[in-house]
Amino acid sequence: MPNYIRPRAPGATIFFTVTLAERGSDLLVREIDRLRGAVVATRRERPFAVDAWVVLPDHMHCVWTLPEGDRDFPTRWRLIKSRFSRGLPKGPLRASHVARMERGIWQRRYWEHHIRNAEDYAAHVQYCWHSPVKHGFVTCPEAWPYSSIHRSTDATPHARP
């Protein structure tokens, strides 16, 4: 089994891709209020800044900035995923899901990339915002309702180190 070693820089800005176990599902947009509630509850308990976020039917991309001195993004994802999953019907379960008390809704792992500089930050924020266009859901990023692009007054990312 691979030994995943994650950089864990305190106060880092990080790009994530998080995916459902069932590709092709529309669960995330169908249950968008449940997802939003899970994020709000987690941010209240363990704050982090949302620099960009887009929710697609079966996966999501986001850029977070953790508070100074804090590097615990894995706990935040565990809480978001478990809060979202509570009350939903279980997905197809394997023995490993049962042993870990998982519901089989999420892919176990997620992808993260620590942002290196302002150009890297801008590229990943734009990636979030343009993902619905790339997947053919809309013709312009502003037309996708499940995106943080609507929070930005000029639809351009702010420079981050």
C-alpha atoms as a PDB file:
ATOM      1  CA  MET A   1       0.000   0.000   0.000  1.00  0.00           C
ATOM      2  CA  PRO A   2       1.338   3.449  -0.882  1.00  0.00           C
ATOM      3  CA  ASN A   3       2.548   5.679   1.899  1.00  0.00           C
ATOM      4  CA  TYR A   4       0.934   9.071   1.230  1.00  0.00           C
ATOM      5  CA  ILE A   5       2.971  11.911   2.667  1.00  0.00           C
ATOM      6  CA  ARG A   6       1.101  15.196   2.665  1.00  0.00           C
ATOM      7  CA  PRO A   7       2.810  18.534   3.082  1.00  0.00           C
ATOM      8  CA  ARG A   8       1.239  20.056   6.168  1.00  0.00           C
ATOM      9  CA  ALA A   9       2.243  23.717   6.198  1.00  0.00           C
ATOM     10  CA  PRO A  10       0.400  25.806   8.799  1.00  0.00           C
ATOM     11  CA  GLY A  11      -1.750  28.557   7.302  1.00  0.00           C
ATOM     12  CA  ALA A  12      -1.372  27.119   3.804  1.00  0.00           C
ATOM     13  CA  THR A  13      -3.583  27.816   0.809  1.00  0.00           C
ATOM     14  CA  ILE A  14      -4.586  24.487  -0.750  1.00  0.00           C
ATOM     15  CA  PHE A  15      -6.499  23.371  -3.857  1.00  0.00           C
ATOM     16  CA  PHE A  16      -8.650  20.251  -3.430  1.00  0.00           C
ATOM     17  CA  THR A  17     -10.597  17.884  -5.651  1.00  0.00           C
ATOM     18  CA  VAL A  18     -13.054  15.694  -3.738  1.00  0.00           C
ATOM     19  CA  THR A  19     -15.099  13.029  -5.533  1.00  0.00           C
ATOM     20  CA  LEU A  20     -18.072  10.795  -4.889  1.00  0.00           C
ATOM     21  CA  ALA A  21     -17.526   7.052  -5.073  1.00  0.00           C
ATOM     22  CA  GLU A  22     -20.195   6.813  -7.784  1.00  0.00           C
ATOM     23  CA  ARG A  23     -18.964   8.809 -10.773  1.00  0.00           C
ATOM     24  CA  GLY A  24     -21.844  10.057 -12.882  1.00  0.00           C
ATOM     25  CA  SER A  25     -24.068  10.638  -9.850  1.00  0.00           C
ATOM     26  CA  ASP A  26     -25.797  13.991  -9.331  1.00  0.00           C
ATOM     27  CA  LEU A  27     -25.848  13.649  -5.542  1.00  0.00           C
ATOM     28  CA  LEU A  28     -23.814  16.760  -4.728  1.00  0.00           C
ATOM     29  CA  VAL A  29     -26.063  19.179  -6.614  1.00  0.00           C
ATOM     30  CA  ARG A  30     -29.246  17.297  -5.670  1.00  0.00           C
ATOM     31  CA  GLU A  31     -28.243  17.557  -1.992  1.00  0.00           C
ATOM     32  CA  ILE A  32     -26.571  20.976  -2.204  1.00  0.00           C
ATOM     33  CA  ASP A  33     -28.277  22.262   0.958  1.00  0.00           C
ATOM     34  CA  ARG A  34     -26.994  19.253   2.906  1.00  0.00           C
ATOM     35  CA  LEU A  35     -23.473  19.926   1.591  1.00  0.00           C
ATOM     36  CA  ARG A  36     -23.683  23.622   2.436  1.00  0.00           C
ATOM     37  CA  GLY A  37     -24.852  22.760   5.940  1.00  0.00           C
ATOM     38  CA  ALA A  38     -21.930  20.367   6.420  1.00  0.00           C
ATOM     39  CA  VAL A  39     -19.464  23.052   5.308  1.00  0.00           C
ATOM     40  CA  VAL A  40     -21.034  25.752   7.505  1.00  0.00           C
ATOM     41  CA  ALA A  41     -21.002  23.489  10.588  1.00  0.00           C
ATOM     42  CA  THR A  42     -17.386  22.499   9.956  1.00  0.00           C
ATOM     43  CA  ARG A  43     -16.234  26.080   9.381  1.00  0.00           C
ATOM     44  CA  ARG A  44     -17.945  27.155  12.597  1.00  0.00           C
ATOM     45  CA  GLU A  45     -16.061  24.460  14.518  1.00  0.00           C
ATOM     46  CA  ARG A  46     -12.772  24.606  12.588  1.00  0.00           C
ATOM     47  CA  PRO A  47     -12.535  27.865  10.616  1.00  0.00           C
ATOM     48  CA  PHE A  48     -10.938  28.199   7.203  1.00  0.00           C
ATOM     49  CA  ALA A  49     -11.257  30.715   4.372  1.00  0.00           C
ATOM     50  CA  VAL A  50     -12.954  29.670   1.152  1.00  0.00           C
ATOM     51  CA  ASP A  51     -11.100  31.368  -1.690  1.00  0.00           C
ATOM     52  CA  ALA A  52     -12.974  29.462  -4.417  1.00  0.00           C
ATOM     53  CA  TRP A  53     -15.398  26.549  -4.535  1.00  0.00           C
ATOM     54  CA  VAL A  54     -17.372  24.850  -7.265  1.00  0.00           C
ATOM     55  CA  VAL A  55     -19.710  21.914  -6.738  1.00  0.00           C
ATOM     56  CA  LEU A  56     -20.358  19.685  -9.736  1.00  0.00           C
ATOM     57  CA  PRO A  57     -22.776  16.731  -9.753  1.00  0.00           C
ATOM     58  CA  ASP A  58     -20.219  14.094  -8.661  1.00  0.00           C
ATOM     59  CA  HIS A  59     -17.156  16.055  -7.511  1.00  0.00           C
ATOM     60  CA  MET A  60     -16.030  19.441  -6.303  1.00  0.00           C
ATOM     61  CA  HIS A  61     -12.977  21.652  -6.484  1.00  0.00           C
ATOM     62  CA  CYS A  62     -12.037  24.277  -3.954  1.00  0.00           C
ATOM     63  CA  VAL A  63      -9.252  26.506  -2.716  1.00  0.00           C
ATOM     64  CA  TRP A  64      -9.015  26.994   1.034  1.00  0.00           C
ATOM     65  CA  THR A  65      -6.703  29.041   3.205  1.00  0.00           C
ATOM     66  CA  LEU A  66      -6.158  27.657   6.685  1.00  0.00           C
ATOM     67  CA  PRO A  67      -5.710  29.919   9.708  1.00  0.00           C
ATOM     68  CA  GLU A  68      -2.186  30.836  10.734  1.00  0.00           C
ATOM     69  CA  GLY A  69      -0.641  28.025  12.748  1.00  0.00           C
ATOM     70  CA  ASP A  70      -3.273  25.497  11.608  1.00  0.00           C
ATOM     71  CA  ARG A  71      -2.522  22.679   9.180  1.00  0.00           C
ATOM     72  CA  ASP A  72      -5.318  20.221   9.876  1.00  0.00           C
ATOM     73  CA  PHE A  73      -7.241  20.046   6.616  1.00  0.00           C
ATOM     74  CA  PRO A  74      -7.771  16.247   6.815  1.00  0.00           C
ATOM     75  CA  THR A  75     -10.022  16.599   9.874  1.00  0.00           C
ATOM     76  CA  ARG A  76     -12.020  19.303   8.144  1.00  0.00           C
ATOM     77  CA  TRP A  77     -12.632  17.040   5.125  1.00  0.00           C
ATOM     78  CA  ARG A  78     -13.537  14.105   7.363  1.00  0.00           C
ATOM     79  CA  LEU A  79     -16.119  16.260   9.145  1.00  0.00           C
ATOM     80  CA  ILE A  80     -17.589  17.685   5.934  1.00  0.00           C
ATOM     81  CA  LYS A  81     -17.854  14.259   4.325  1.00  0.00           C
ATOM     82  CA  SER A  82     -19.362  12.582   7.390  1.00  0.00           C
ATOM     83  CA  ARG A  83     -21.841  15.405   8.071  1.00  0.00           C
ATOM     84  CA  PHE A  84     -22.964  15.346   4.454  1.00  0.00           C
ATOM     85  CA  SER A  85     -23.326  11.557   4.439  1.00  0.00           C
ATOM     86  CA  ARG A  86     -25.439  11.272   7.595  1.00  0.00           C
ATOM     87  CA  GLY A  87     -29.028  10.480   6.716  1.00  0.00           C
ATOM     88  CA  LEU A  88     -28.297   9.520   3.116  1.00  0.00           C
ATOM     89  CA  PRO A  89     -28.839   5.961   1.903  1.00  0.00           C
ATOM     90  CA  LYS A  90     -25.648   3.936   1.907  1.00  0.00           C
ATOM     91  CA  GLY A  91     -23.798   3.405  -1.353  1.00  0.00           C
ATOM     92  CA  PRO A  92     -22.588  -0.035  -2.455  1.00  0.00           C
ATOM     93  CA  LEU A  93     -20.553  -1.303   0.503  1.00  0.00           C
ATOM     94  CA  ARG A  94     -17.456  -3.441   0.459  1.00  0.00           C
ATOM     95  CA  ALA A  95     -16.025  -5.157   3.497  1.00  0.00           C
ATOM     96  CA  SER A  96     -13.492  -2.328   3.850  1.00  0.00           C
ATOM     97  CA  HIS A  97     -16.335   0.217   4.101  1.00  0.00           C
ATOM     98  CA  VAL A  98     -18.047  -1.789   6.813  1.00  0.00           C
ATOM     99  CA  ALA A  99     -14.786  -2.231   8.745  1.00  0.00           C
ATOM    100  CA  ARG A 100     -14.132   1.523   8.675  1.00  0.00           C
ATOM    101  CA  MET A 101     -17.785   2.392   9.364  1.00  0.00           C
ATOM    102  CA  GLU A 102     -18.028   4.236   6.022  1.00  0.00           C
ATOM    103  CA  ARG A 103     -21.212   4.704   4.012  1.00  0.00           C
ATOM    104  CA  GLY A 104     -19.611   4.176   0.588  1.00  0.00           C
ATOM    105  CA  ILE A 105     -20.648   7.631  -0.654  1.00  0.00           C
ATOM    106  CA  TRP A 106     -17.237   9.273  -1.070  1.00  0.00           C
ATOM    107  CA  GLN A 107     -14.014   8.195  -2.691  1.00  0.00           C
ATOM    108  CA  ARG A 108     -11.777   7.505   0.241  1.00  0.00           C
ATOM    109  CA  ARG A 109      -8.977   9.788  -0.864  1.00  0.00           C
ATOM    110  CA  TYR A 110      -8.997  13.302  -2.269  1.00  0.00           C
ATOM    111  CA  TRP A 111      -6.428  15.244  -4.214  1.00  0.00           C
ATOM    112  CA  GLU A 112      -4.737  18.282  -2.771  1.00  0.00           C
ATOM    113  CA  HIS A 113      -2.151  20.710  -4.059  1.00  0.00           C
ATOM    114  CA  HIS A 114      -0.449  23.325  -1.897  1.00  0.00           C
ATOM    115  CA  ILE A 115      -0.488  26.683  -3.669  1.00  0.00           C
ATOM    116  CA  ARG A 116       3.033  27.940  -4.361  1.00  0.00           C
ATOM    117  CA  ASN A 117       2.616  31.565  -5.498  1.00  0.00           C
ATOM    118  CA  ALA A 118       0.174  34.168  -6.830  1.00  0.00           C
ATOM    119  CA  GLU A 119       0.158  32.701 -10.348  1.00  0.00           C
ATOM    120  CA  ASP A 120      -0.532  29.205  -9.028  1.00  0.00           C
ATOM    121  CA  TYR A 121      -3.320  30.622  -6.859  1.00  0.00           C
ATOM    122  CA  ALA A 122      -4.941  32.467  -9.783  1.00  0.00           C
ATOM    123  CA  ALA A 123      -4.724  29.374 -12.004  1.00  0.00           C
ATOM    124  CA  HIS A 124      -6.428  27.134  -9.434  1.00  0.00           C
ATOM    125  CA  VAL A 125      -9.182  29.643  -8.632  1.00  0.00           C
ATOM    126  CA  GLN A 126      -9.858  29.986 -12.368  1.00  0.00           C
ATOM    127  CA  TYR A 127      -9.842  26.180 -12.681  1.00  0.00           C
ATOM    128  CA  CYS A 128     -12.586  26.014 -10.050  1.00  0.00           C
ATOM    129  CA  TRP A 129     -14.686  28.646 -11.733  1.00  0.00           C
ATOM    130  CA  HIS A 130     -14.283  27.279 -15.283  1.00  0.00           C
ATOM    131  CA  SER A 131     -14.838  23.624 -14.417  1.00  0.00           C
ATOM    132  CA  PRO A 132     -18.621  23.672 -15.144  1.00  0.00           C
ATOM    133  CA  VAL A 133     -17.826  25.025 -18.628  1.00  0.00           C
ATOM    134  CA  LYS A 134     -15.131  22.395 -19.167  1.00  0.00           C
ATOM    135  CA  HIS A 135     -17.624  19.647 -18.287  1.00  0.00           C
ATOM    136  CA  GLY A 136     -20.259  21.112 -20.605  1.00  0.00           C
ATOM    137  CA  PHE A 137     -22.835  22.043 -17.952  1.00  0.00           C
ATOM    138  CA  VAL A 138     -22.905  25.748 -18.918  1.00  0.00           C
ATOM    139  CA  THR A 139     -21.377  28.038 -21.526  1.00  0.00           C
ATOM    140  CA  CYS A 140     -20.021  30.632 -19.072  1.00  0.00           C
ATOM    141  CA  PRO A 141     -18.846  30.217 -15.460  1.00  0.00           C
ATOM    142  CA  GLU A 142     -21.347  32.742 -14.092  1.00  0.00           C
ATOM    143  CA  ALA A 143     -24.239  30.568 -15.295  1.00  0.00           C
ATOM    144  CA  TRP A 144     -23.367  27.720 -12.887  1.00  0.00           C
ATOM    145  CA  PRO A 145     -25.301  28.214  -9.637  1.00  0.00           C
ATOM    146  CA  TYR A 146     -23.013  26.124  -7.392  1.00  0.00           C
ATOM    147  CA  SER A 147     -19.892  28.278  -7.588  1.00  0.00           C
ATOM    148  CA  SER A 148     -18.176  30.871  -5.447  1.00  0.00           C
ATOM    149  CA  ILE A 149     -17.727  32.999  -8.568  1.00  0.00           C
ATOM    150  CA  HIS A 150     -20.987  34.681  -7.529  1.00  0.00           C
ATOM    151  CA  ARG A 151     -19.301  36.017  -4.353  1.00  0.00           C
ATOM    152  CA  SER A 152     -16.666  37.918  -6.317  1.00  0.00           C
ATOM    153  CA  THR A 153     -17.619  41.397  -7.486  1.00  0.00           C
ATOM    154  CA  ASP A 154     -15.333  41.290 -10.529  1.00  0.00           C
ATOM    155  CA  ALA A 155     -15.040  37.494 -11.057  1.00  0.00           C
ATOM    156  CA  THR A 156     -11.264  37.611 -10.777  1.00  0.00           C
ATOM    157  CA  PRO A 157      -9.234  35.964  -8.029  1.00  0.00           C
ATOM    158  CA  HIS A 158      -7.358  37.985  -5.468  1.00  0.00           C
ATOM    159  CA  ALA A 159      -3.602  37.424  -5.479  1.00  0.00           C
ATOM    160  CA  ARG A 160      -2.369  35.045  -2.820  1.00  0.00           C
ATOM    161  CA  PRO A 161       1.227  34.260  -2.019  1.00  0.00           C
END
